[in-house]
Amino acid sequence: MRRRFFLQSATSAAVVALTGCGGGGGGGTVAATGTDSAYTPPAAAPVAGTQQPLSATATPSAAAAYPFGARLDKYAAGIAPSQSAESMDTLLKTQYSAWKAARIVDASSIVAGGYAVLFSNSSYMTVSEGMGYGMLLAALFAGHDPQAQQLFDGLLAVVRARPAYAVIPFDPNGKYLNEWRINANGTSGGEGWSAMDGDLDIAMALLMADRQWGSSGTWNYLQEGKNTIEALKTWSMNPDGSTRGLPSAKNNRTSDYMIGHFRAFAAATGDKLWDKAVDKAYKLLNRMQTVYSPVGLMPDFVMNTDNDDGAQPSTGYIGDGNDKEGYFWWNACRNPWRFSSDFVLSGDTRFQQITGRMIDFFQSSSKGDPANIGMGYALDGTILMGGNFPGGNSAAYHGPICAGACVDARFQGFLDTMWNWNATHLTTGYYDSEIQLLSMAVASGNWWSTAKR
């Protein structure tokens, strides 16, 4: 993976500072003071995660209430690729199986029956972001995968066995957040801090699991989901609905504006904070696009988020610890997928507008050719060609752009082209593969939510 992680802190009692990039592109570490020195991370056996298939003799998953390909919730808005639903489903089922074979590893060194989504750097077993992606995919492909619930429960067991222990002295709800990185031997690799993107997806996946399998089995998915939602509220959210992170609660990351998740959280809890989060995200995104990007892009990170009229792109080194935080980079590349996945279900035209601006740019600047889409852009639309990240092709960009093209009929030809590119450039590499597969699920009509319609 080509980016660092953004860690969250919610209290001035935790004095934290980014101290570098751990894992060769795997994440920033934090140095903390003011923590309870008597608190220690959970123990783990020194056995590295190894690729091992799920047991063929294990108890099959409970019957799936929303089997993959059923399309029980018809999209409220948007368009689909011209390819047949059957052909798209066949492709995605095959790719899901390939992804699972490549990225799911045994994590019984952490907890019996545990599984993890294998990270790209061999020094680490997994990161919370990957665990969230894996749980979403397991819930989504239930009905196709007879072991989906076994996989989901194994991932969840690891998530709960590795809580964000550095958070707990400041907020007891930290036990429902996941430590953002785990070493290859199963021990703590992130000093006990959390990363919001992983926890958001974990919470959403738990709500989906409740709808998919019910909550009367080994895990009460609904209650676990509500627990993580409450922890996110108290640790990672501001009262005005903005997300918060290090080193200031007034900084945040645009890829954490998971609008559809916020709606599902509001439906599950009745908490109006999540409605405020939707509105706040729109204000910040609209400002980034209309004030700072003549081509409709947005940065990885935003500063001064407490002021709707003063928020601005990061000037660098406030989140992931690099000088590209004010660019459309390896965090913001996910945004067309995130916002499109909300629009097709909610029909909220604000996020059709936000997504459409990005897709207009990618379609026009590439002349409709996916090969011309780069990896990273300045907000004026210049492809980032220098340094370690030259322009080129990546499923982490092309997958979300495909999903984003679903928001308006004017993109039909571009959507078909983007689908075909992704269908012929499938990958099982970490980050790219999960983002691509989830984006293509959205584009194919297979995404669903627990939010009220």
Protein backbone atom coordinates (compact mmCIF):
# COMPACT_ATOMS: atom_id res chain seq x y z
CA MET A 1 0.00 0.00 0.00
CA ARG A 2 1.20 3.44 -0.90
CA ARG A 3 -0.06 5.62 1.92
CA ARG A 4 0.15 6.15 5.62
CA PHE A 5 -2.70 5.89 8.04
CA PHE A 6 -4.57 8.70 9.75
CA LEU A 7 -5.00 8.02 13.46
CA GLN A 8 -7.71 9.50 15.65
CA SER A 9 -7.58 11.20 19.02
CA ALA A 10 -10.44 12.85 20.83
CA THR A 11 -9.05 14.26 24.04
CA SER A 12 -6.41 16.78 24.96
CA ALA A 13 -5.34 14.36 27.67
CA ALA A 14 -3.74 12.26 24.97
CA VAL A 15 -0.82 14.28 23.71
CA VAL A 16 0.06 12.65 20.45
CA ALA A 17 2.34 13.30 17.52
CA LEU A 18 3.03 11.49 14.31
CA THR A 19 6.54 10.12 14.47
CA GLY A 20 7.08 8.43 11.15
CA CYS A 21 5.97 5.87 8.67
CA GLY A 22 5.94 2.31 9.92
CA GLY A 23 5.83 -0.65 7.63
CA GLY A 24 7.08 0.87 4.42
CA GLY A 25 3.88 2.66 3.51
CA GLY A 26 1.84 0.97 6.16
CA GLY A 27 1.12 3.71 8.64
CA GLY A 28 2.23 6.46 10.95
CA THR A 29 3.11 5.65 14.52
CA VAL A 30 2.27 7.79 17.50
CA ALA A 31 4.10 8.75 20.64
CA ALA A 32 1.75 9.32 23.58
CA THR A 33 1.99 10.92 26.98
CA GLY A 34 -0.66 11.14 29.65
CA THR A 35 -1.73 7.51 29.19
CA ASP A 36 -2.20 5.05 32.03
CA SER A 37 1.25 3.51 32.30
CA ALA A 38 -0.22 0.45 34.00
CA TYR A 39 -2.33 -0.38 30.98
CA THR A 40 -0.75 -2.96 28.70
CA PRO A 41 -1.76 -4.27 25.28
CA PRO A 42 -3.44 -7.67 24.95
CA ALA A 43 -1.09 -10.63 24.81
CA ALA A 44 -0.60 -12.71 21.67
CA ALA A 45 1.13 -15.92 20.75
CA PRO A 46 4.21 -15.41 18.53
CA VAL A 47 2.80 -17.19 15.48
CA ALA A 48 2.68 -15.32 12.19
CA GLY A 49 -0.43 -15.21 10.05
CA THR A 50 -0.28 -17.79 7.29
CA GLN A 51 -2.48 -18.29 4.27
CA GLN A 52 -4.84 -21.08 5.14
CA PRO A 53 -8.25 -21.79 3.61
CA LEU A 54 -11.35 -21.73 5.77
CA SER A 55 -12.34 -25.16 7.00
CA ALA A 56 -14.45 -27.03 4.48
CA THR A 57 -16.00 -29.01 7.34
CA ALA A 58 -17.00 -26.01 9.39
CA THR A 59 -20.65 -25.33 10.09
CA PRO A 60 -22.09 -23.56 7.04
CA SER A 61 -23.25 -19.99 7.35
CA ALA A 62 -26.81 -19.31 8.38
CA ALA A 63 -29.15 -18.71 5.48
CA ALA A 64 -28.42 -15.33 3.93
CA ALA A 65 -31.34 -12.91 3.99
CA TYR A 66 -29.72 -10.88 1.19
CA PRO A 67 -27.78 -13.32 -1.01
CA PHE A 68 -25.25 -11.83 -3.37
CA GLY A 69 -26.82 -11.04 -6.73
CA ALA A 70 -30.38 -10.80 -5.38
CA ARG A 71 -30.60 -7.00 -5.75
CA LEU A 72 -33.45 -6.92 -3.24
CA ASP A 73 -33.07 -3.18 -2.68
CA LYS A 74 -33.46 -1.54 -6.05
CA TYR A 75 -31.30 1.52 -6.46
CA ALA A 76 -33.11 4.80 -5.93
CA ALA A 77 -31.03 6.61 -8.54
CA GLY A 78 -28.16 6.30 -10.97
CA ILE A 79 -27.26 4.06 -13.89
CA ALA A 80 -25.64 0.68 -14.38
CA PRO A 81 -23.07 -0.65 -16.85
CA SER A 82 -24.54 -1.95 -20.10
CA GLN A 83 -23.20 -5.43 -19.36
CA SER A 84 -25.75 -8.00 -18.19
CA ALA A 85 -26.29 -8.49 -14.48
CA GLU A 86 -25.51 -12.19 -14.88
CA SER A 87 -22.13 -11.56 -16.50
CA MET A 88 -21.18 -8.95 -13.91
CA ASP A 89 -22.16 -11.25 -11.05
CA THR A 90 -20.19 -14.15 -12.48
CA LEU A 91 -17.11 -11.96 -12.78
CA LEU A 92 -17.42 -10.62 -9.24
CA LYS A 93 -17.99 -14.05 -7.70
CA THR A 94 -14.86 -15.35 -9.39
CA GLN A 95 -12.85 -12.33 -8.29
CA TYR A 96 -14.12 -12.58 -4.71
CA SER A 97 -12.91 -16.19 -4.57
CA ALA A 98 -9.52 -15.15 -5.94
CA TRP A 99 -9.29 -12.31 -3.43
CA LYS A 100 -10.21 -14.58 -0.53
CA ALA A 101 -7.61 -17.17 -1.53
CA ALA A 102 -4.91 -14.51 -1.78
CA ARG A 103 -5.67 -12.29 1.21
CA ILE A 104 -7.44 -14.24 3.98
CA VAL A 105 -4.98 -15.69 6.48
CA ASP A 106 -5.26 -17.74 9.64
CA ALA A 107 -5.06 -15.59 12.77
CA SER A 108 -5.51 -18.27 15.42
CA SER A 109 -2.34 -16.92 17.05
CA ILE A 110 -4.57 -14.07 18.21
CA VAL A 111 -7.84 -15.88 18.90
CA ALA A 112 -9.21 -19.35 18.14
CA GLY A 113 -10.98 -19.35 14.80
CA GLY A 114 -9.56 -15.97 13.90
CA TYR A 115 -8.91 -14.70 10.38
CA ALA A 116 -7.27 -11.57 9.03
CA VAL A 117 -6.98 -9.71 5.73
CA LEU A 118 -3.29 -9.95 4.86
CA PHE A 119 -1.48 -6.63 4.59
CA SER A 120 1.02 -5.89 1.83
CA ASN A 121 4.08 -5.50 4.08
CA SER A 122 5.29 -8.81 5.52
CA SER A 123 6.22 -7.15 8.82
CA TYR A 124 2.52 -6.83 9.57
CA MET A 125 -0.35 -9.27 9.54
CA THR A 126 -3.15 -6.78 9.00
CA VAL A 127 -4.52 -3.29 9.55
CA SER A 128 -7.97 -2.21 10.71
CA GLU A 129 -8.77 -0.75 7.30
CA GLY A 130 -8.27 -4.18 5.72
CA MET A 131 -10.34 -5.87 8.42
CA GLY A 132 -13.20 -3.50 7.65
CA TYR A 133 -12.97 -4.21 3.93
CA GLY A 134 -12.94 -7.94 4.61
CA MET A 135 -16.00 -7.79 6.84
CA LEU A 136 -17.92 -5.77 4.24
CA LEU A 137 -17.02 -8.29 1.54
CA ALA A 138 -17.98 -11.29 3.68
CA ALA A 139 -21.40 -9.79 4.43
CA LEU A 140 -21.88 -8.77 0.81
CA PHE A 141 -20.98 -12.14 -0.76
CA ALA A 142 -23.04 -14.25 1.65
CA GLY A 143 -25.33 -16.54 -0.27
CA HIS A 144 -22.59 -17.07 -2.83
CA ASP A 145 -19.92 -18.01 -0.28
CA PRO A 146 -21.15 -20.78 2.06
CA GLN A 147 -18.35 -19.86 4.49
CA ALA A 148 -19.13 -16.15 4.57
CA GLN A 149 -20.41 -16.08 8.13
CA GLN A 150 -17.50 -18.20 9.36
CA LEU A 151 -15.14 -15.73 7.73
CA PHE A 152 -17.02 -12.75 9.12
CA ASP A 153 -17.01 -14.14 12.65
CA GLY A 154 -13.30 -14.96 12.43
CA LEU A 155 -12.51 -11.42 11.34
CA LEU A 156 -14.73 -9.98 14.06
CA ALA A 157 -13.06 -12.16 16.70
CA VAL A 158 -9.68 -10.69 15.77
CA VAL A 159 -11.07 -7.15 15.74
CA ARG A 160 -12.41 -7.56 19.26
CA ALA A 161 -9.26 -9.34 20.47
CA ARG A 162 -7.14 -6.38 19.36
CA PRO A 163 -8.90 -3.28 20.71
CA ALA A 164 -7.49 0.23 20.56
CA TYR A 165 -6.02 -0.16 24.02
CA ALA A 166 -4.34 3.26 24.10
CA VAL A 167 -7.77 4.85 23.76
CA ILE A 168 -9.34 2.99 26.69
CA PRO A 169 -7.76 5.06 29.53
CA PHE A 170 -9.39 8.16 27.99
CA ASP A 171 -12.59 6.56 26.71
CA PRO A 172 -13.78 3.12 27.85
CA ASN A 173 -15.56 2.79 24.50
CA GLY A 174 -12.10 2.29 23.00
CA LYS A 175 -12.56 -1.45 23.54
CA TYR A 176 -15.01 -1.33 20.64
CA LEU A 177 -12.46 0.25 18.30
CA ASN A 178 -9.81 -1.81 16.53
CA GLU A 179 -6.09 -1.23 16.92
CA TRP A 180 -5.06 0.07 13.54
CA ARG A 181 -2.11 -2.28 12.90
CA ILE A 182 -1.08 -5.78 14.02
CA ASN A 183 2.40 -7.25 13.70
CA ALA A 184 2.99 -10.43 11.73
CA ASN A 185 3.22 -12.40 14.99
CA GLY A 186 -0.16 -11.12 16.13
CA THR A 187 1.11 -8.57 18.65
CA SER A 188 0.35 -4.88 18.84
CA GLY A 189 1.83 -2.98 15.91
CA GLY A 190 0.09 0.38 16.22
CA GLU A 191 0.69 1.32 19.85
CA GLY A 192 -2.97 0.83 20.62
CA TRP A 193 -4.45 3.66 18.55
CA SER A 194 -7.37 3.50 16.13
CA ALA A 195 -7.89 4.57 12.51
CA MET A 196 -11.35 5.86 11.75
CA ASP A 197 -11.79 4.41 8.27
CA GLY A 198 -11.39 0.85 9.50
CA ASP A 199 -13.77 1.33 12.41
CA LEU A 200 -16.41 2.96 10.19
CA ASP A 201 -16.41 -0.03 7.84
CA ILE A 202 -16.39 -2.48 10.75
CA ALA A 203 -19.47 -0.80 12.26
CA MET A 204 -21.26 -0.78 8.90
CA ALA A 205 -20.40 -4.43 8.29
CA LEU A 206 -21.85 -5.36 11.69
CA LEU A 207 -25.16 -3.71 10.80
CA MET A 208 -25.14 -5.57 7.48
CA ALA A 209 -24.39 -8.84 9.30
CA ASP A 210 -27.43 -8.30 11.51
CA ARG A 211 -29.63 -7.94 8.45
CA GLN A 212 -27.90 -10.84 6.70
CA TRP A 213 -27.85 -13.47 9.46
CA GLY A 214 -29.65 -12.00 12.48
CA SER A 215 -28.09 -11.42 15.88
CA SER A 216 -29.17 -14.49 17.86
CA GLY A 217 -26.07 -16.60 17.14
CA THR A 218 -22.54 -16.50 18.51
CA TRP A 219 -22.37 -12.75 18.08
CA ASN A 220 -25.02 -10.11 18.65
CA TYR A 221 -24.03 -8.23 15.51
CA LEU A 222 -26.50 -5.40 16.05
CA GLN A 223 -25.30 -4.65 19.56
CA GLU A 224 -21.66 -4.94 18.54
CA GLY A 225 -22.35 -2.50 15.72
CA LYS A 226 -24.04 -0.04 18.05
CA ASN A 227 -21.13 -0.32 20.46
CA THR A 228 -18.64 0.62 17.74
CA ILE A 229 -20.89 3.42 16.49
CA GLU A 230 -21.01 4.90 20.00
CA ALA A 231 -17.23 4.57 20.30
CA LEU A 232 -16.81 6.38 17.00
CA LYS A 233 -19.11 9.13 18.22
CA THR A 234 -17.24 9.70 21.47
CA TRP A 235 -13.70 9.31 20.11
CA SER A 236 -13.72 10.28 16.44
CA MET A 237 -16.51 12.84 16.00
CA ASN A 238 -17.01 16.50 16.89
CA PRO A 239 -20.40 17.77 18.12
CA ASP A 240 -20.91 19.67 14.85
CA GLY A 241 -20.81 16.41 12.88
CA SER A 242 -17.26 16.74 11.59
CA THR A 243 -14.78 13.91 11.94
CA ARG A 244 -11.61 14.57 13.88
CA GLY A 245 -8.04 13.38 14.05
CA LEU A 246 -4.46 14.25 14.87
CA PRO A 247 -2.87 16.56 15.79
CA SER A 248 -6.00 18.71 16.02
CA ALA A 249 -9.69 17.90 16.23
CA LYS A 250 -10.10 20.51 13.48
CA ASN A 251 -8.26 18.38 10.91
CA ASN A 252 -9.85 15.48 9.07
CA ARG A 253 -9.68 13.20 6.07
CA THR A 254 -12.21 13.39 3.24
CA SER A 255 -12.24 9.62 2.75
CA ASP A 256 -13.70 9.30 6.26
CA TYR A 257 -16.84 11.09 5.06
CA MET A 258 -18.66 7.79 4.55
CA ILE A 259 -22.08 9.26 3.91
CA GLY A 260 -23.98 6.01 3.46
CA HIS A 261 -22.50 4.64 6.68
CA PHE A 262 -23.57 7.78 8.54
CA ARG A 263 -27.15 7.29 7.34
CA ALA A 264 -27.10 3.66 8.47
CA PHE A 265 -25.74 4.69 11.87
CA ALA A 266 -28.54 7.23 12.26
CA ALA A 267 -31.13 4.58 11.39
CA ALA A 268 -29.65 2.06 13.83
CA THR A 269 -29.27 4.41 16.79
CA GLY A 270 -31.67 7.30 16.25
CA ASP A 271 -28.75 9.63 16.98
CA LYS A 272 -29.07 12.89 15.05
CA LEU A 273 -25.31 13.44 15.16
CA TRP A 274 -25.00 11.22 12.10
CA ASP A 275 -27.50 13.34 10.16
CA LYS A 276 -25.36 16.35 11.07
CA ALA A 277 -22.32 14.43 9.82
CA VAL A 278 -23.92 14.04 6.38
CA ASP A 279 -24.66 17.76 6.14
CA LYS A 280 -21.25 18.81 7.46
CA ALA A 281 -19.47 16.55 4.99
CA TYR A 282 -21.36 18.10 2.09
CA LYS A 283 -20.43 21.63 3.18
CA LEU A 284 -16.75 20.75 3.44
CA LEU A 285 -16.65 18.81 0.18
CA ASN A 286 -18.49 21.51 -1.73
CA ARG A 287 -16.06 24.12 -0.43
CA MET A 288 -13.03 22.04 -1.43
CA GLN A 289 -14.39 21.61 -4.95
CA THR A 290 -15.69 25.11 -5.59
CA VAL A 291 -13.06 27.20 -3.81
CA TYR A 292 -9.86 25.18 -4.17
CA SER A 293 -10.25 22.95 -7.22
CA PRO A 294 -11.33 24.39 -10.57
CA VAL A 295 -11.71 20.81 -11.85
CA GLY A 296 -13.85 19.50 -8.98
CA LEU A 297 -11.35 17.41 -7.03
CA MET A 298 -10.76 17.33 -3.27
CA PRO A 299 -7.74 16.78 -1.04
CA ASP A 300 -6.88 13.83 1.16
CA PHE A 301 -6.98 16.07 4.25
CA VAL A 302 -8.80 19.24 5.31
CA MET A 303 -7.80 21.75 8.00
CA ASN A 304 -9.91 24.19 10.06
CA THR A 305 -13.03 22.06 9.70
CA ASP A 306 -14.78 23.89 12.54
CA ASN A 307 -15.25 26.89 10.23
CA ASP A 308 -17.40 26.25 7.17
CA ASP A 309 -15.99 29.39 5.54
CA GLY A 310 -12.39 28.84 6.63
CA ALA A 311 -11.76 25.17 5.93
CA GLN A 312 -8.89 24.59 3.52
CA PRO A 313 -6.82 21.73 2.06
CA SER A 314 -3.99 20.47 4.22
CA THR A 315 -0.68 22.23 3.73
CA GLY A 316 1.01 18.94 4.59
CA TYR A 317 2.14 16.90 7.57
CA ILE A 318 -1.06 17.13 9.63
CA GLY A 319 -2.42 13.64 9.03
CA ASP A 320 -0.49 10.98 7.16
CA GLY A 321 2.75 12.91 7.56
CA ASN A 322 3.55 13.76 3.94
CA ASP A 323 3.55 16.75 1.61
CA LYS A 324 0.74 15.37 -0.61
CA GLU A 325 -2.05 15.69 1.95
CA GLY A 326 -3.54 18.62 0.03
CA TYR A 327 -3.77 16.57 -3.17
CA PHE A 328 -6.24 14.05 -4.57
CA TRP A 329 -4.06 11.18 -3.45
CA TRP A 330 -4.19 7.66 -1.99
CA ASN A 331 -6.95 8.51 0.48
CA ALA A 332 -9.24 10.70 -1.61
CA CYS A 333 -9.00 8.27 -4.54
CA ARG A 334 -11.67 6.23 -2.72
CA ASN A 335 -14.19 9.07 -2.62
CA PRO A 336 -16.01 8.55 -5.94
CA TRP A 337 -16.92 5.06 -4.72
CA ARG A 338 -17.94 6.18 -1.23
CA PHE A 339 -20.17 9.01 -2.41
CA SER A 340 -21.68 7.09 -5.32
CA SER A 341 -22.53 4.17 -3.03
CA ASP A 342 -24.65 6.60 -1.02
CA PHE A 343 -26.28 8.38 -3.95
CA VAL A 344 -27.54 5.24 -5.68
CA LEU A 345 -29.37 4.22 -2.48
CA SER A 346 -30.40 7.58 -1.01
CA GLY A 347 -30.95 9.62 -4.16
CA ASP A 348 -29.44 12.64 -2.36
CA THR A 349 -28.55 14.91 -5.28
CA ARG A 350 -25.94 16.75 -3.24
CA PHE A 351 -23.67 13.73 -3.53
CA GLN A 352 -24.59 13.22 -7.17
CA GLN A 353 -23.25 16.73 -7.67
CA ILE A 354 -20.08 16.13 -5.63
CA THR A 355 -19.33 12.87 -7.43
CA GLY A 356 -20.34 14.15 -10.84
CA ARG A 357 -17.78 16.96 -10.68
CA MET A 358 -15.00 14.43 -10.16
CA ILE A 359 -16.21 12.13 -12.93
CA ASP A 360 -16.58 15.04 -15.35
CA PHE A 361 -12.92 15.77 -14.75
CA PHE A 362 -11.71 12.18 -15.13
CA GLN A 363 -13.75 11.64 -18.27
CA SER A 364 -12.60 14.85 -19.95
CA SER A 365 -8.97 14.82 -18.82
CA SER A 366 -8.50 11.19 -19.86
CA LYS A 367 -10.41 11.67 -23.12
CA GLY A 368 -12.43 8.68 -22.04
CA ASP A 369 -9.40 6.37 -21.96
CA PRO A 370 -8.72 4.72 -18.57
CA ALA A 371 -5.05 4.36 -19.50
CA ASN A 372 -4.76 8.14 -19.24
CA ILE A 373 -5.94 8.28 -15.64
CA GLY A 374 -3.03 8.91 -13.30
CA MET A 375 -2.24 7.97 -9.73
CA GLY A 376 -2.64 11.23 -7.84
CA TYR A 377 -3.57 14.77 -8.86
CA ALA A 378 -2.98 18.30 -7.70
CA LEU A 379 -6.27 20.10 -7.13
CA ASP A 380 -5.82 21.99 -10.40
CA GLY A 381 -5.95 18.66 -12.24
CA THR A 382 -2.22 18.19 -12.84
CA ILE A 383 -1.22 14.52 -12.73
CA LEU A 384 1.47 13.92 -10.13
CA MET A 385 4.32 12.53 -12.19
CA GLY A 386 7.36 12.94 -9.94
CA GLY A 387 8.86 11.24 -6.93
CA ASN A 388 8.00 7.70 -6.00
CA PHE A 389 4.47 7.81 -7.36
CA PRO A 390 4.50 8.49 -11.12
CA GLY A 391 1.31 8.68 -13.14
CA GLY A 392 -0.05 5.29 -14.06
CA ASN A 393 -2.87 2.84 -13.56
CA SER A 394 -4.19 1.57 -10.25
CA ALA A 395 -7.40 -0.24 -9.35
CA ALA A 396 -7.59 1.96 -6.24
CA TYR A 397 -8.29 4.86 -8.61
CA HIS A 398 -10.02 3.10 -11.50
CA GLY A 399 -12.40 1.07 -9.34
CA PRO A 400 -13.87 4.09 -7.53
CA ILE A 401 -14.07 6.08 -10.77
CA CYS A 402 -16.13 3.23 -12.24
CA ALA A 403 -18.52 3.35 -9.29
CA GLY A 404 -18.61 7.14 -9.46
CA ALA A 405 -19.69 7.10 -13.09
CA CYS A 406 -22.98 5.50 -12.00
CA VAL A 407 -24.34 8.82 -10.73
CA ASP A 408 -25.54 10.27 -14.04
CA ALA A 409 -26.69 9.05 -17.46
CA ARG A 410 -24.25 11.43 -19.15
CA PHE A 411 -21.48 9.06 -18.05
CA GLN A 412 -22.95 5.88 -19.59
CA GLY A 413 -20.24 5.41 -22.20
CA PHE A 414 -17.48 6.21 -19.73
CA LEU A 415 -19.03 3.85 -17.17
CA ASP A 416 -19.02 0.99 -19.66
CA THR A 417 -15.40 1.71 -20.53
CA MET A 418 -14.38 1.87 -16.87
CA TRP A 419 -16.17 -1.39 -16.13
CA ASN A 420 -14.38 -3.11 -18.99
CA TRP A 421 -11.01 -1.76 -17.83
CA ASN A 422 -11.54 -3.07 -14.32
CA ALA A 423 -12.85 -6.41 -15.58
CA THR A 424 -9.62 -6.91 -17.51
CA HIS A 425 -7.30 -5.51 -14.81
CA LEU A 426 -8.42 -7.44 -11.74
CA THR A 427 -5.92 -7.69 -8.90
CA THR A 428 -5.51 -9.49 -5.60
CA GLY A 429 -2.97 -7.03 -4.17
CA TYR A 430 -3.85 -5.40 -0.86
CA TYR A 431 -5.78 -2.10 -0.96
CA ASP A 432 -6.29 -2.06 -4.74
CA SER A 433 -8.17 -5.37 -4.74
CA GLU A 434 -10.57 -4.62 -1.89
CA ILE A 435 -11.38 -1.15 -3.20
CA GLN A 436 -11.83 -2.42 -6.75
CA LEU A 437 -14.11 -5.29 -5.72
CA LEU A 438 -16.30 -3.13 -3.49
CA SER A 439 -16.50 -0.43 -6.17
CA MET A 440 -17.53 -2.94 -8.82
CA ALA A 441 -20.16 -4.34 -6.46
CA VAL A 442 -21.65 -0.84 -6.27
CA ALA A 443 -21.52 -0.36 -10.04
CA SER A 444 -23.15 -3.75 -10.71
CA GLY A 445 -26.16 -2.99 -8.50
CA ASN A 446 -25.08 -5.28 -5.67
CA TRP A 447 -24.51 -2.74 -2.90
CA TRP A 448 -27.05 -2.41 -0.11
CA SER A 449 -27.40 -0.76 3.26
CA THR A 450 -29.35 -0.89 6.49
CA ALA A 451 -30.30 2.78 6.27
CA LYS A 452 -33.98 3.61 6.04
CA ARG A 453 -35.06 4.38 2.50
